[in-house]
């Protein structure tokens, strides 16, 4: 991985570690917060590479802009992401977070 990608990934991880339990954000919201609004896909790549980080990255808290668990296949089993979120109190139906707007955590307004 190139140094620029490593720096970007580290910045993504810093944001994701701040998402509270029971809340979620989107790839695009993180990219926008980091000043790279068109880099949502790169945030996704960071999440895909996050599973061996220490301290751990709560990657389950990052979903697509509609609240769909698009990264679920990167958790080893297609049900682990959903289980982790449900353990935090979120309700998921057909791979989509119910009341997404209520549990959405926007780093632009939450991080000061």
Protein backbone atom coordinates (compact mmCIF):
# COMPACT_ATOMS: atom_id res chain seq x y z
CA UNK A 1 0.00 0.00 0.00
CA UNK A 2 1.32 3.45 -0.88
CA UNK A 3 2.14 5.90 1.89
CA UNK A 4 -0.67 8.27 0.80
CA UNK A 5 -3.18 5.44 1.10
CA UNK A 6 -1.78 4.45 4.49
CA UNK A 7 -2.15 8.03 5.76
CA UNK A 8 -5.70 8.23 4.39
CA UNK A 9 -6.61 4.86 5.89
CA UNK A 10 -5.23 5.94 9.28
CA UNK A 11 -7.33 9.10 9.14
CA UNK A 12 -10.41 7.00 8.29
CA UNK A 13 -9.68 4.71 11.24
CA UNK A 14 -9.41 7.70 13.60
CA UNK A 15 -12.92 8.79 12.56
CA UNK A 16 -14.45 5.31 12.71
CA UNK A 17 -13.09 4.72 16.22
CA UNK A 18 -15.13 7.75 17.35
CA UNK A 19 -18.51 6.41 16.15
CA UNK A 20 -20.47 5.60 19.31
CA UNK A 21 -22.03 2.19 19.90
CA UNK A 22 -25.52 2.04 18.47
CA UNK A 23 -24.77 4.63 15.79
CA UNK A 24 -23.58 4.34 12.18
CA UNK A 25 -22.18 6.55 9.49
CA UNK A 26 -21.59 6.22 5.76
CA UNK A 27 -18.51 5.88 3.60
CA UNK A 28 -19.36 9.18 1.96
CA UNK A 29 -19.82 11.05 5.24
CA UNK A 30 -16.35 9.98 6.35
CA UNK A 31 -14.85 10.95 2.99
CA UNK A 32 -16.53 14.36 3.15
CA UNK A 33 -15.31 14.95 6.70
CA UNK A 34 -11.76 14.14 5.59
CA UNK A 35 -11.99 16.70 2.78
CA UNK A 36 -12.17 14.05 0.04
CA UNK A 37 -15.88 13.99 -0.75
CA UNK A 38 -15.37 11.87 -3.87
CA UNK A 39 -13.39 9.20 -2.03
CA UNK A 40 -16.20 7.12 -0.50
CA UNK A 41 -14.91 4.06 -2.34
CA UNK A 42 -11.47 4.56 -0.81
CA UNK A 43 -13.09 4.70 2.65
CA UNK A 44 -14.60 1.32 1.75
CA UNK A 45 -11.15 0.00 0.89
CA UNK A 46 -9.92 1.22 4.27
CA UNK A 47 -12.77 -0.65 5.97
CA UNK A 48 -11.89 -3.81 4.02
CA UNK A 49 -8.30 -3.52 5.28
CA UNK A 50 -9.26 -2.68 8.87
CA UNK A 51 -9.90 -6.10 10.36
CA UNK A 52 -6.41 -6.60 11.86
CA UNK A 53 -5.94 -3.11 13.30
CA UNK A 54 -5.04 -2.57 16.94
CA UNK A 55 -6.95 -1.16 18.64
CA UNK A 56 -9.81 -2.71 16.68
CA UNK A 57 -11.84 -0.68 14.19
CA UNK A 58 -15.65 -0.92 14.60
CA UNK A 59 -16.04 -1.32 10.83
CA UNK A 60 -19.58 -2.64 11.25
CA UNK A 61 -20.64 0.97 11.98
CA UNK A 62 -19.87 2.11 8.43
CA UNK A 63 -22.61 1.47 5.85
CA UNK A 64 -23.67 2.91 2.52
CA UNK A 65 -25.60 6.18 2.16
CA UNK A 66 -28.93 4.34 2.37
CA UNK A 67 -28.07 2.36 5.49
CA UNK A 68 -27.44 -0.88 3.61
CA UNK A 69 -24.83 -3.31 4.95
CA UNK A 70 -22.84 -3.36 1.72
CA UNK A 71 -19.60 -4.41 3.43
CA UNK A 72 -21.06 -7.46 5.16
CA UNK A 73 -19.16 -9.98 3.02
CA UNK A 74 -15.84 -8.66 4.43
CA UNK A 75 -16.59 -9.93 7.94
CA UNK A 76 -15.90 -13.62 7.30
CA UNK A 77 -19.59 -14.52 7.34
CA UNK A 78 -22.42 -12.55 5.78
CA UNK A 79 -24.24 -12.41 9.14
CA UNK A 80 -21.47 -11.12 11.43
CA UNK A 81 -21.85 -7.43 10.52
CA UNK A 82 -25.58 -7.58 11.21
CA UNK A 83 -25.05 -9.45 14.48
CA UNK A 84 -22.52 -6.88 15.68
CA UNK A 85 -24.92 -4.02 14.91
CA UNK A 86 -27.88 -5.79 16.48
CA UNK A 87 -25.78 -6.36 19.61
CA UNK A 88 -25.46 -2.57 19.76
CA UNK A 89 -29.24 -2.16 19.60
CA UNK A 90 -29.77 -1.43 15.90
CA UNK A 91 -32.63 -3.03 14.00
CA UNK A 92 -31.82 -4.45 10.57
CA UNK A 93 -34.23 -5.87 8.03
CA UNK A 94 -33.18 -7.23 4.63
CA UNK A 95 -29.61 -5.94 5.14
CA UNK A 96 -30.81 -2.37 5.78
CA UNK A 97 -30.80 -0.41 9.03
CA UNK A 98 -34.27 0.54 10.19
CA UNK A 99 -34.60 4.22 11.23
CA UNK A 100 -31.25 4.94 9.59
CA UNK A 101 -31.79 8.71 9.88
CA UNK A 102 -32.19 8.43 13.66
CA UNK A 103 -28.99 6.43 14.23
CA UNK A 104 -26.89 8.21 11.60
CA UNK A 105 -23.75 9.79 13.06
CA UNK A 106 -22.41 12.65 10.93
CA UNK A 107 -18.72 13.35 11.63
CA UNK A 108 -19.14 16.86 10.20
CA UNK A 109 -21.39 17.82 13.11
CA UNK A 110 -20.34 15.30 15.78
CA UNK A 111 -16.59 15.85 15.76
CA UNK A 112 -15.59 19.27 17.01
